[in-house]
């Protein structure tokens, strides 16, 4: 499991204001924290992290 924060890249996105990208990142972090105990999500993330 990762600790700390990883950089988030929003290349190719079009936002109307400067605050929108930050809001998007914030919502993403909140969603991920709320689903941290989801075993199915952990399996998907583990498969996606194969290098």
C-alpha atoms as a PDB file:
ATOM      1  CA  UNK A   1       0.000   0.000   0.000  1.00  0.00           C
ATOM      2  CA  UNK A   2       1.280   3.458  -0.869  1.00  0.00           C
ATOM      3  CA  UNK A   3       1.795   6.151   1.673  1.00  0.00           C
ATOM      4  CA  UNK A   4       2.156   9.843   0.986  1.00  0.00           C
ATOM      5  CA  UNK A   5       0.913  11.561  -2.107  1.00  0.00           C
ATOM      6  CA  UNK A   6       1.777  10.900  -5.711  1.00  0.00           C
ATOM      7  CA  UNK A   7       1.786  13.582  -8.390  1.00  0.00           C
ATOM      8  CA  UNK A   8      -1.444  13.900 -10.330  1.00  0.00           C
ATOM      9  CA  UNK A   9      -1.271  14.868 -13.995  1.00  0.00           C
ATOM     10  CA  UNK A  10      -4.266  16.291 -15.796  1.00  0.00           C
ATOM     11  CA  UNK A  11      -2.792  16.593 -19.280  1.00  0.00           C
ATOM     12  CA  UNK A  12      -5.337  17.044 -22.034  1.00  0.00           C
ATOM     13  CA  UNK A  13      -8.101  18.341 -19.787  1.00  0.00           C
ATOM     14  CA  UNK A  14      -9.904  21.612 -20.386  1.00  0.00           C
ATOM     15  CA  UNK A  15     -11.054  23.509 -17.309  1.00  0.00           C
ATOM     16  CA  UNK A  16     -13.033  26.735 -17.318  1.00  0.00           C
ATOM     17  CA  UNK A  17     -11.302  28.105 -14.204  1.00  0.00           C
ATOM     18  CA  UNK A  18      -8.011  27.625 -12.399  1.00  0.00           C
ATOM     19  CA  UNK A  19      -9.829  26.103  -9.395  1.00  0.00           C
ATOM     20  CA  UNK A  20     -11.403  23.242 -11.340  1.00  0.00           C
ATOM     21  CA  UNK A  21      -8.288  21.033 -11.630  1.00  0.00           C
ATOM     22  CA  UNK A  22      -7.682  21.319  -7.880  1.00  0.00           C
ATOM     23  CA  UNK A  23     -11.303  20.468  -7.202  1.00  0.00           C
ATOM     24  CA  UNK A  24     -11.031  17.421  -9.448  1.00  0.00           C
ATOM     25  CA  UNK A  25      -7.924  16.200  -7.640  1.00  0.00           C
ATOM     26  CA  UNK A  26      -9.551  16.827  -4.256  1.00  0.00           C
ATOM     27  CA  UNK A  27     -12.676  14.856  -5.199  1.00  0.00           C
ATOM     28  CA  UNK A  28     -10.488  12.030  -6.491  1.00  0.00           C
ATOM     29  CA  UNK A  29      -8.521  11.847  -3.232  1.00  0.00           C
ATOM     30  CA  UNK A  30     -11.712  11.925  -1.145  1.00  0.00           C
ATOM     31  CA  UNK A  31     -13.260   9.141  -3.257  1.00  0.00           C
ATOM     32  CA  UNK A  32     -10.111   7.002  -2.986  1.00  0.00           C
ATOM     33  CA  UNK A  33      -9.913   7.464   0.790  1.00  0.00           C
ATOM     34  CA  UNK A  34     -13.573   6.488   1.175  1.00  0.00           C
ATOM     35  CA  UNK A  35     -12.947   3.292  -0.824  1.00  0.00           C
ATOM     36  CA  UNK A  36      -9.577   2.380   0.715  1.00  0.00           C
ATOM     37  CA  UNK A  37     -10.962  -0.807   2.309  1.00  0.00           C
ATOM     38  CA  UNK A  38     -12.614  -2.045  -0.911  1.00  0.00           C
ATOM     39  CA  UNK A  39     -10.945  -5.394  -1.679  1.00  0.00           C
ATOM     40  CA  UNK A  40     -12.113  -5.446  -5.318  1.00  0.00           C
ATOM     41  CA  UNK A  41     -10.588  -2.007  -5.840  1.00  0.00           C
ATOM     42  CA  UNK A  42      -7.329  -3.196  -4.249  1.00  0.00           C
ATOM     43  CA  UNK A  43      -7.206  -6.110  -6.702  1.00  0.00           C
ATOM     44  CA  UNK A  44      -7.722  -3.805  -9.696  1.00  0.00           C
ATOM     45  CA  UNK A  45      -5.084  -1.366  -8.455  1.00  0.00           C
ATOM     46  CA  UNK A  46      -2.620  -4.198  -7.803  1.00  0.00           C
ATOM     47  CA  UNK A  47      -3.076  -5.475 -11.376  1.00  0.00           C
ATOM     48  CA  UNK A  48      -2.724  -1.958 -12.797  1.00  0.00           C
ATOM     49  CA  UNK A  49       0.516  -1.328 -10.864  1.00  0.00           C
ATOM     50  CA  UNK A  50       2.384  -4.147 -12.622  1.00  0.00           C
ATOM     51  CA  UNK A  51       5.494  -2.646 -14.186  1.00  0.00           C
END
